[in-house]
């Protein structure tokens, strides 16, 4: 394993985001043996105008104005940079050629802020790790000149309208010019390899801090709901979940209680599910309480709507379900095939109804223990080892000493 390296991490999610983040988990694990500079995305002009009163935006404005320092120490070996620059909001530009011209200017501002932090922290011979940031980090390899640059693919983000507009062209270019590509599913690794032969599957880690079964009791809110309970925890977005499938299950199996925990989009909020007496929307919950809700589920589910956004995703929530030993059903996708011994994989409504009933009928203590053991094998320590091995193999092939 590479140790005592300086590593710069850039991505879409800032350190002060409230939701879980692969990128933050990776930074924390890497910082055990390396110095890490975790770089927040720079503030853009539209965000400043629209959300200037938000405390997080105000903090960034103060940093840009020089009223606050941009570097914060999170823990030993781990620093967080709030860039002291304002970049232009340019995704409205229709021409990709013109977009690239202005994007290079944005990247230059961003890079200068990072270079200043690198100088202050005395980083040397650093590695660059780009977490799915196609636009704002597109030219960082050229401007920062790292020993090696890696592009990390954990979502097929060009399936999203915002990223598709210019990302369909730019992401392949970014993959091709990166020294190596890393992916958390074999599906995404195959996609990366289309543009870069040095593409590696590095698995997926999961933080199980809040998902330990020992001594865990179900939430009182769950205990008040009739059993059996079929539950889902996560974002309730029509772009990612099969709303029609859920409506069918709730309608045909009205003796089952369907429980949803998470924020809803407009489609979910307006769906027929809200009119059904056996469906319960419990809203968002604090991360540290989620396990107590899962504990009360009889079957956990991940009813994905298959589209370009979801088809290659690694399902982190499945690991969280399994870490608590729960019977689980999910939509069959290529990444889910690795879970087939522990998760019932369904392809349609009939499969879901049949699979849920089978899981209700066959759950047993030995199956619960097997699920826990499997989920806990998906550690960040293992994934980070694969990431660092990929850097090492690429360096060796290119004749670079790390």
Protein backbone atom coordinates (compact mmCIF):
# COMPACT_ATOMS: atom_id res chain seq x y z
CA UNK A 1 0.00 0.00 0.00
CA UNK A 2 1.21 3.51 -0.83
CA UNK A 3 1.88 5.52 2.30
CA UNK A 4 2.99 9.03 3.21
CA UNK A 5 1.75 10.48 -0.08
CA UNK A 6 0.16 13.88 -0.64
CA UNK A 7 -3.24 13.48 -2.32
CA UNK A 8 -5.62 16.14 -3.65
CA UNK A 9 -9.29 15.14 -3.81
CA UNK A 10 -11.80 17.13 -5.85
CA UNK A 11 -15.43 16.31 -6.52
CA UNK A 12 -19.04 17.41 -6.57
CA UNK A 13 -19.82 17.14 -2.86
CA UNK A 14 -18.33 19.70 -0.45
CA UNK A 15 -17.13 18.60 2.97
CA UNK A 16 -19.99 20.46 4.67
CA UNK A 17 -22.69 18.47 2.87
CA UNK A 18 -25.10 16.71 5.24
CA UNK A 19 -25.63 13.57 3.17
CA UNK A 20 -23.33 10.57 3.03
CA UNK A 21 -20.53 10.78 0.52
CA UNK A 22 -18.23 8.23 -1.08
CA UNK A 23 -15.69 10.99 -1.57
CA UNK A 24 -15.62 11.98 2.11
CA UNK A 25 -15.36 8.35 3.21
CA UNK A 26 -12.46 7.83 0.80
CA UNK A 27 -10.71 10.94 2.14
CA UNK A 28 -11.08 9.78 5.73
CA UNK A 29 -9.70 6.32 4.96
CA UNK A 30 -6.80 7.65 2.87
CA UNK A 31 -5.86 10.12 5.61
CA UNK A 32 -4.91 7.24 7.91
CA UNK A 33 -1.65 6.85 5.99
CA UNK A 34 -1.43 9.93 3.73
CA UNK A 35 -1.88 13.71 3.76
CA UNK A 36 -5.13 14.73 2.10
CA UNK A 37 -6.36 18.05 0.75
CA UNK A 38 -10.12 17.72 0.21
CA UNK A 39 -11.22 20.52 -2.12
CA UNK A 40 -14.78 21.81 -2.12
CA UNK A 41 -16.29 22.85 -5.43
CA UNK A 42 -15.84 26.59 -6.05
CA UNK A 43 -18.79 28.94 -5.58
CA UNK A 44 -20.47 29.88 -8.87
CA UNK A 45 -22.15 33.17 -9.61
CA UNK A 46 -25.75 31.91 -9.89
CA UNK A 47 -25.50 30.16 -6.52
CA UNK A 48 -24.16 33.37 -4.98
CA UNK A 49 -27.06 35.41 -6.39
CA UNK A 50 -29.82 32.93 -5.60
CA UNK A 51 -28.66 31.65 -2.22
CA UNK A 52 -26.47 34.45 -0.90
CA UNK A 53 -28.21 34.43 2.49
CA UNK A 54 -27.59 30.72 3.08
CA UNK A 55 -24.99 30.33 5.87
CA UNK A 56 -22.85 27.98 3.78
CA UNK A 57 -22.85 30.36 0.82
CA UNK A 58 -22.16 33.34 3.09
CA UNK A 59 -19.14 31.50 4.47
CA UNK A 60 -17.78 31.02 0.95
CA UNK A 61 -18.37 34.69 0.13
CA UNK A 62 -16.43 35.67 3.26
CA UNK A 63 -13.55 33.39 2.26
CA UNK A 64 -13.45 34.89 -1.25
CA UNK A 65 -13.40 38.36 0.32
CA UNK A 66 -10.51 37.37 2.58
CA UNK A 67 -12.48 37.68 5.81
CA UNK A 68 -12.06 33.99 6.66
CA UNK A 69 -9.26 31.49 5.95
CA UNK A 70 -9.98 28.97 3.20
CA UNK A 71 -8.10 26.02 4.70
CA UNK A 72 -9.58 24.10 7.63
CA UNK A 73 -7.96 21.16 9.39
CA UNK A 74 -10.50 18.35 9.78
CA UNK A 75 -8.20 15.93 11.59
CA UNK A 76 -4.62 14.78 11.52
CA UNK A 77 -3.48 14.54 7.86
CA UNK A 78 -6.82 15.81 6.50
CA UNK A 79 -7.39 19.40 5.33
CA UNK A 80 -10.45 20.94 3.67
CA UNK A 81 -10.13 23.80 1.18
CA UNK A 82 -12.87 26.34 0.50
CA UNK A 83 -11.63 27.90 -2.77
CA UNK A 84 -11.19 31.69 -2.62
CA UNK A 85 -12.54 32.23 -6.13
CA UNK A 86 -15.89 32.83 -7.81
CA UNK A 87 -16.49 30.96 -11.07
CA UNK A 88 -19.00 31.79 -13.75
CA UNK A 89 -22.18 29.78 -14.28
CA UNK A 90 -21.83 28.60 -17.87
CA UNK A 91 -23.94 25.50 -18.42
CA UNK A 92 -26.54 27.63 -20.25
CA UNK A 93 -24.09 27.95 -23.17
CA UNK A 94 -25.33 25.73 -25.99
CA UNK A 95 -22.06 25.35 -27.90
CA UNK A 96 -19.74 22.81 -26.28
CA UNK A 97 -16.76 24.45 -28.00
CA UNK A 98 -17.65 27.82 -26.44
CA UNK A 99 -18.44 26.13 -23.12
CA UNK A 100 -14.94 24.60 -23.06
CA UNK A 101 -13.38 28.02 -23.64
CA UNK A 102 -15.09 29.56 -20.59
CA UNK A 103 -14.74 26.36 -18.59
CA UNK A 104 -10.98 26.56 -19.01
CA UNK A 105 -11.09 30.04 -17.46
CA UNK A 106 -13.11 28.70 -14.53
CA UNK A 107 -10.65 25.83 -14.15
CA UNK A 108 -7.72 28.26 -14.10
CA UNK A 109 -9.26 30.23 -11.22
CA UNK A 110 -10.03 27.01 -9.37
CA UNK A 111 -6.53 25.63 -9.96
CA UNK A 112 -4.86 28.83 -8.74
CA UNK A 113 -6.74 28.57 -5.46
CA UNK A 114 -5.69 24.93 -5.07
CA UNK A 115 -2.06 25.74 -5.95
CA UNK A 116 -1.99 28.41 -3.27
CA UNK A 117 -3.20 25.86 -0.69
CA UNK A 118 -0.69 23.30 -1.94
CA UNK A 119 2.08 25.85 -1.39
CA UNK A 120 0.87 26.68 2.14
CA UNK A 121 0.65 23.00 3.08
CA UNK A 122 3.97 22.14 1.37
CA UNK A 123 2.43 19.32 -0.69
CA UNK A 124 4.94 17.61 -3.00
CA UNK A 125 4.65 15.02 -5.80
CA UNK A 126 0.94 14.81 -5.15
CA UNK A 127 -1.68 12.52 -6.66
CA UNK A 128 -4.99 13.89 -8.00
CA UNK A 129 -8.28 12.06 -7.35
CA UNK A 130 -11.31 13.44 -9.21
CA UNK A 131 -14.66 12.20 -7.93
CA UNK A 132 -16.99 12.43 -10.96
CA UNK A 133 -16.44 16.20 -11.48
CA UNK A 134 -16.48 16.53 -15.27
CA UNK A 135 -16.60 20.30 -15.67
CA UNK A 136 -14.88 22.18 -12.85
CA UNK A 137 -11.97 19.70 -12.75
CA UNK A 138 -11.66 19.10 -16.49
CA UNK A 139 -8.31 20.95 -16.85
CA UNK A 140 -6.84 20.31 -13.39
CA UNK A 141 -4.39 17.72 -14.69
CA UNK A 142 -2.86 20.39 -16.94
CA UNK A 143 -2.90 23.17 -14.35
CA UNK A 144 -1.91 21.24 -11.20
CA UNK A 145 0.53 18.85 -12.89
CA UNK A 146 0.09 15.95 -10.43
CA UNK A 147 2.31 12.87 -10.51
CA UNK A 148 -0.77 10.88 -11.52
CA UNK A 149 -4.39 11.90 -12.06
CA UNK A 150 -7.34 9.54 -11.55
CA UNK A 151 -10.96 9.95 -12.60
CA UNK A 152 -13.37 8.13 -10.26
CA UNK A 153 -16.67 7.01 -11.81
CA UNK A 154 -19.36 6.09 -9.26
CA UNK A 155 -22.43 7.22 -11.22
CA UNK A 156 -23.37 7.40 -14.88
CA UNK A 157 -23.95 11.11 -14.38
CA UNK A 158 -24.28 11.92 -18.08
CA UNK A 159 -27.69 10.27 -17.76
CA UNK A 160 -28.73 13.41 -15.87
CA UNK A 161 -29.92 16.29 -18.08
CA UNK A 162 -27.60 18.91 -16.53
CA UNK A 163 -24.47 16.81 -17.06
CA UNK A 164 -25.56 15.35 -20.40
CA UNK A 165 -25.60 18.71 -22.18
CA UNK A 166 -21.80 18.95 -22.39
CA UNK A 167 -20.75 15.89 -20.41
CA UNK A 168 -21.53 13.42 -23.18
CA UNK A 169 -18.54 14.89 -25.01
CA UNK A 170 -16.39 16.02 -22.10
CA UNK A 171 -16.50 12.95 -19.85
CA UNK A 172 -14.93 10.62 -22.45
CA UNK A 173 -12.25 13.25 -23.09
CA UNK A 174 -11.56 13.55 -19.36
CA UNK A 175 -11.37 9.78 -18.97
CA UNK A 176 -8.99 9.49 -21.91
CA UNK A 177 -6.54 12.11 -20.67
CA UNK A 178 -6.56 10.96 -17.04
CA UNK A 179 -3.68 8.64 -16.15
CA UNK A 180 -6.14 6.09 -14.82
CA UNK A 181 -9.86 5.61 -14.24
CA UNK A 182 -11.41 4.01 -11.17
CA UNK A 183 -14.96 2.65 -10.91
CA UNK A 184 -17.08 1.23 -8.11
CA UNK A 185 -18.92 -1.22 -10.38
CA UNK A 186 -17.85 -3.49 -13.21
CA UNK A 187 -20.46 -1.83 -15.41
CA UNK A 188 -18.81 1.57 -14.98
CA UNK A 189 -15.32 0.10 -15.30
CA UNK A 190 -16.27 -1.30 -18.71
CA UNK A 191 -17.57 2.14 -19.69
CA UNK A 192 -14.33 3.81 -18.55
CA UNK A 193 -12.23 1.23 -20.39
CA UNK A 194 -13.84 2.26 -23.66
CA UNK A 195 -11.81 5.48 -23.39
CA UNK A 196 -8.88 4.57 -21.14
CA UNK A 197 -7.17 1.14 -21.00
CA UNK A 198 -5.93 1.88 -17.48
CA UNK A 199 -9.38 1.46 -15.92
CA UNK A 200 -9.83 -0.44 -12.66
CA UNK A 201 -12.69 -1.84 -10.60
CA UNK A 202 -12.04 -0.77 -7.00
CA UNK A 203 -15.15 -2.05 -5.26
CA UNK A 204 -17.23 -0.03 -2.86
CA UNK A 205 -16.80 0.67 0.81
CA UNK A 206 -19.56 1.30 3.29
CA UNK A 207 -19.45 3.10 6.62
CA UNK A 208 -21.26 0.82 9.07
CA UNK A 209 -20.85 3.11 12.08
CA UNK A 210 -24.61 3.55 12.39
CA UNK A 211 -25.56 0.08 11.14
CA UNK A 212 -24.63 -2.28 13.95
CA UNK A 213 -27.21 -4.85 15.02
CA UNK A 214 -25.95 -5.59 18.53
CA UNK A 215 -28.38 -4.21 21.11
CA UNK A 216 -30.39 -2.39 18.43
CA UNK A 217 -34.12 -1.93 19.03
CA UNK A 218 -36.79 -0.94 16.48
CA UNK A 219 -37.97 2.66 16.48
CA UNK A 220 -41.27 3.12 18.39
CA UNK A 221 -42.62 4.80 15.26
CA UNK A 222 -42.13 1.53 13.37
CA UNK A 223 -43.64 -0.60 16.12
CA UNK A 224 -46.94 1.24 15.67
CA UNK A 225 -47.26 0.07 12.03
CA UNK A 226 -48.99 -3.25 11.20
CA UNK A 227 -46.76 -6.10 10.04
CA UNK A 228 -45.39 -7.35 7.75
CA UNK A 229 -43.47 -4.18 6.93
CA UNK A 230 -41.78 -3.81 3.55
CA UNK A 231 -39.45 -0.83 3.84
CA UNK A 232 -37.23 1.51 1.86
CA UNK A 233 -34.79 4.14 3.10
CA UNK A 234 -33.34 6.76 0.76
CA UNK A 235 -34.24 9.50 -1.68
CA UNK A 236 -37.76 9.07 -3.08
CA UNK A 237 -37.12 10.24 -6.63
CA UNK A 238 -39.15 9.19 -9.64
CA UNK A 239 -35.96 9.18 -11.73
CA UNK A 240 -34.48 6.41 -9.57
CA UNK A 241 -37.41 4.43 -8.15
CA UNK A 242 -40.15 2.56 -10.01
CA UNK A 243 -43.23 4.41 -8.79
CA UNK A 244 -45.68 2.33 -10.85
CA UNK A 245 -44.21 -0.86 -9.41
CA UNK A 246 -44.66 0.39 -5.85
CA UNK A 247 -48.25 1.43 -6.51
CA UNK A 248 -48.98 -2.06 -7.85
CA UNK A 249 -47.45 -3.80 -4.83
CA UNK A 250 -49.36 -1.60 -2.40
CA UNK A 251 -52.64 -2.16 -4.28
CA UNK A 252 -52.37 -5.93 -4.76
CA UNK A 253 -50.91 -6.72 -1.33
CA UNK A 254 -52.97 -4.48 0.93
CA UNK A 255 -52.16 -6.72 3.91
CA UNK A 256 -48.53 -5.58 3.66
CA UNK A 257 -47.41 -2.23 5.07
CA UNK A 258 -45.12 -0.27 2.76
CA UNK A 259 -42.91 2.18 4.66
CA UNK A 260 -40.82 4.92 3.04
CA UNK A 261 -38.21 7.04 4.79
CA UNK A 262 -36.62 9.89 2.85
CA UNK A 263 -37.32 13.12 1.01
CA UNK A 264 -39.86 12.99 -1.82
CA UNK A 265 -39.79 14.66 -5.22
CA UNK A 266 -42.93 16.13 -6.77
CA UNK A 267 -43.94 12.88 -8.49
CA UNK A 268 -43.82 10.88 -5.29
CA UNK A 269 -45.61 13.58 -3.33
CA UNK A 270 -48.44 13.52 -5.90
CA UNK A 271 -48.60 9.74 -6.32
CA UNK A 272 -51.49 7.39 -5.50
CA UNK A 273 -49.33 5.92 -2.74
CA UNK A 274 -50.42 8.78 -0.49
CA UNK A 275 -54.06 7.69 -0.80
CA UNK A 276 -53.43 4.06 0.18
CA UNK A 277 -54.08 3.09 3.81
CA UNK A 278 -51.26 0.53 3.93
CA UNK A 279 -48.55 3.01 2.81
CA UNK A 280 -46.61 5.11 5.31
CA UNK A 281 -44.32 8.06 4.53
CA UNK A 282 -42.27 8.86 7.61
CA UNK A 283 -40.16 11.71 6.17
CA UNK A 284 -36.42 12.20 6.58
CA UNK A 285 -34.58 10.96 9.65
CA UNK A 286 -31.19 11.62 11.20
CA UNK A 287 -28.52 9.22 9.89
CA UNK A 288 -27.83 7.81 13.34
CA UNK A 289 -31.48 6.72 13.70
CA UNK A 290 -31.95 4.96 10.35
CA UNK A 291 -30.83 1.55 11.62
CA UNK A 292 -33.61 1.53 14.23
CA UNK A 293 -36.15 1.90 11.43
CA UNK A 294 -34.54 -0.80 9.29
CA UNK A 295 -34.57 -3.03 12.39
CA UNK A 296 -38.36 -2.90 12.32
CA UNK A 297 -38.65 -3.83 8.61
CA UNK A 298 -39.55 -7.44 7.77
CA UNK A 299 -38.21 -7.05 4.23
CA UNK A 300 -36.07 -4.26 2.82
CA UNK A 301 -36.32 -3.20 -0.82
CA UNK A 302 -34.57 -1.21 -3.51
CA UNK A 303 -37.13 -0.93 -6.34
CA UNK A 304 -34.93 0.86 -8.87
CA UNK A 305 -36.31 2.29 -12.06
CA UNK A 306 -33.77 1.15 -14.66
CA UNK A 307 -32.47 3.99 -16.82
CA UNK A 308 -29.05 5.35 -17.82
CA UNK A 309 -28.67 6.95 -14.37
CA UNK A 310 -29.30 3.82 -12.32
CA UNK A 311 -28.26 0.87 -14.48
CA UNK A 312 -24.61 0.86 -13.38
CA UNK A 313 -24.94 2.16 -9.82
CA UNK A 314 -23.47 0.36 -6.84
CA UNK A 315 -26.30 0.08 -4.28
CA UNK A 316 -24.81 1.26 -0.98
CA UNK A 317 -28.16 0.99 0.77
CA UNK A 318 -28.17 -2.77 0.09
CA UNK A 319 -25.03 -3.12 2.21
CA UNK A 320 -26.73 -1.16 4.99
CA UNK A 321 -29.78 -3.44 4.86
CA UNK A 322 -27.66 -6.59 4.85
CA UNK A 323 -25.38 -5.36 7.66
CA UNK A 324 -28.45 -5.62 9.89
CA UNK A 325 -29.21 -9.10 8.55
CA UNK A 326 -32.41 -8.06 6.79
CA UNK A 327 -34.10 -10.05 3.99
CA UNK A 328 -33.73 -7.82 0.94
CA UNK A 329 -35.19 -7.60 -2.54
CA UNK A 330 -33.86 -5.40 -5.34
CA UNK A 331 -34.25 -4.79 -9.05
CA UNK A 332 -31.90 -6.95 -11.11
CA UNK A 333 -29.03 -4.93 -12.58
CA UNK A 334 -25.47 -5.86 -13.50
CA UNK A 335 -23.94 -4.51 -10.22
CA UNK A 336 -26.60 -6.40 -8.23
CA UNK A 337 -25.44 -9.74 -9.64
CA UNK A 338 -22.63 -9.70 -7.08
CA UNK A 339 -25.34 -9.80 -4.39
CA UNK A 340 -27.43 -12.63 -5.88
CA UNK A 341 -26.61 -15.15 -3.13
CA UNK A 342 -27.88 -12.76 -0.45
CA UNK A 343 -30.54 -10.65 -2.17
CA UNK A 344 -33.63 -11.69 -4.12
CA UNK A 345 -33.34 -10.08 -7.55
CA UNK A 346 -36.60 -9.23 -9.31
CA UNK A 347 -37.26 -8.00 -12.84
CA UNK A 348 -40.93 -6.99 -12.69
CA UNK A 349 -43.97 -6.64 -10.46
CA UNK A 350 -44.69 -10.37 -10.38
CA UNK A 351 -41.10 -11.00 -9.34
CA UNK A 352 -41.30 -8.44 -6.55
CA UNK A 353 -44.52 -9.83 -5.10
CA UNK A 354 -43.28 -13.42 -5.34
CA UNK A 355 -39.86 -12.50 -3.96
CA UNK A 356 -41.16 -10.54 -0.97
CA UNK A 357 -43.46 -13.39 0.00
CA UNK A 358 -40.59 -15.89 -0.31
CA UNK A 359 -38.37 -13.73 1.90
CA UNK A 360 -41.12 -13.43 4.51
CA UNK A 361 -41.58 -17.21 4.51
CA UNK A 362 -37.93 -18.30 4.60
CA UNK A 363 -35.99 -15.87 6.81
CA UNK A 364 -33.83 -17.62 9.41
CA UNK A 365 -31.01 -16.73 11.87
CA UNK A 366 -28.33 -18.43 9.77
CA UNK A 367 -29.37 -16.40 6.71
CA UNK A 368 -29.23 -13.21 8.75
CA UNK A 369 -25.68 -13.95 9.88
CA UNK A 370 -24.57 -14.75 6.32
CA UNK A 371 -25.99 -11.43 5.10
CA UNK A 372 -24.16 -9.52 7.83
CA UNK A 373 -20.85 -11.20 7.09
CA UNK A 374 -21.17 -10.49 3.36
CA UNK A 375 -22.03 -6.81 3.83
CA UNK A 376 -19.24 -6.20 6.33
CA UNK A 377 -16.71 -7.53 3.81
CA UNK A 378 -17.39 -4.36 1.78
CA UNK A 379 -15.06 -2.19 3.81
CA UNK A 380 -13.46 1.11 2.85
CA UNK A 381 -10.12 -0.38 3.85
CA UNK A 382 -10.46 -2.98 1.08
CA UNK A 383 -11.62 -0.43 -1.51
CA UNK A 384 -8.81 1.99 -0.66
CA UNK A 385 -6.28 -0.82 -1.04
CA UNK A 386 -7.60 -1.41 -4.58
CA UNK A 387 -7.47 2.32 -5.35
CA UNK A 388 -3.85 2.61 -4.22
CA UNK A 389 -2.92 -0.60 -6.05
CA UNK A 390 -4.38 0.94 -9.24
CA UNK A 391 -2.23 4.05 -8.78
CA UNK A 392 0.80 1.83 -8.20
CA UNK A 393 0.21 -0.35 -11.26
CA UNK A 394 -0.30 2.67 -13.48
CA UNK A 395 2.83 4.36 -12.13
CA UNK A 396 4.86 1.21 -12.78
CA UNK A 397 3.57 0.92 -16.34
CA UNK A 398 4.37 4.59 -17.02
CA UNK A 399 7.79 4.38 -15.36
CA UNK A 400 6.82 6.84 -12.59
CA UNK A 401 8.25 6.47 -9.10
CA UNK A 402 5.76 7.06 -6.33
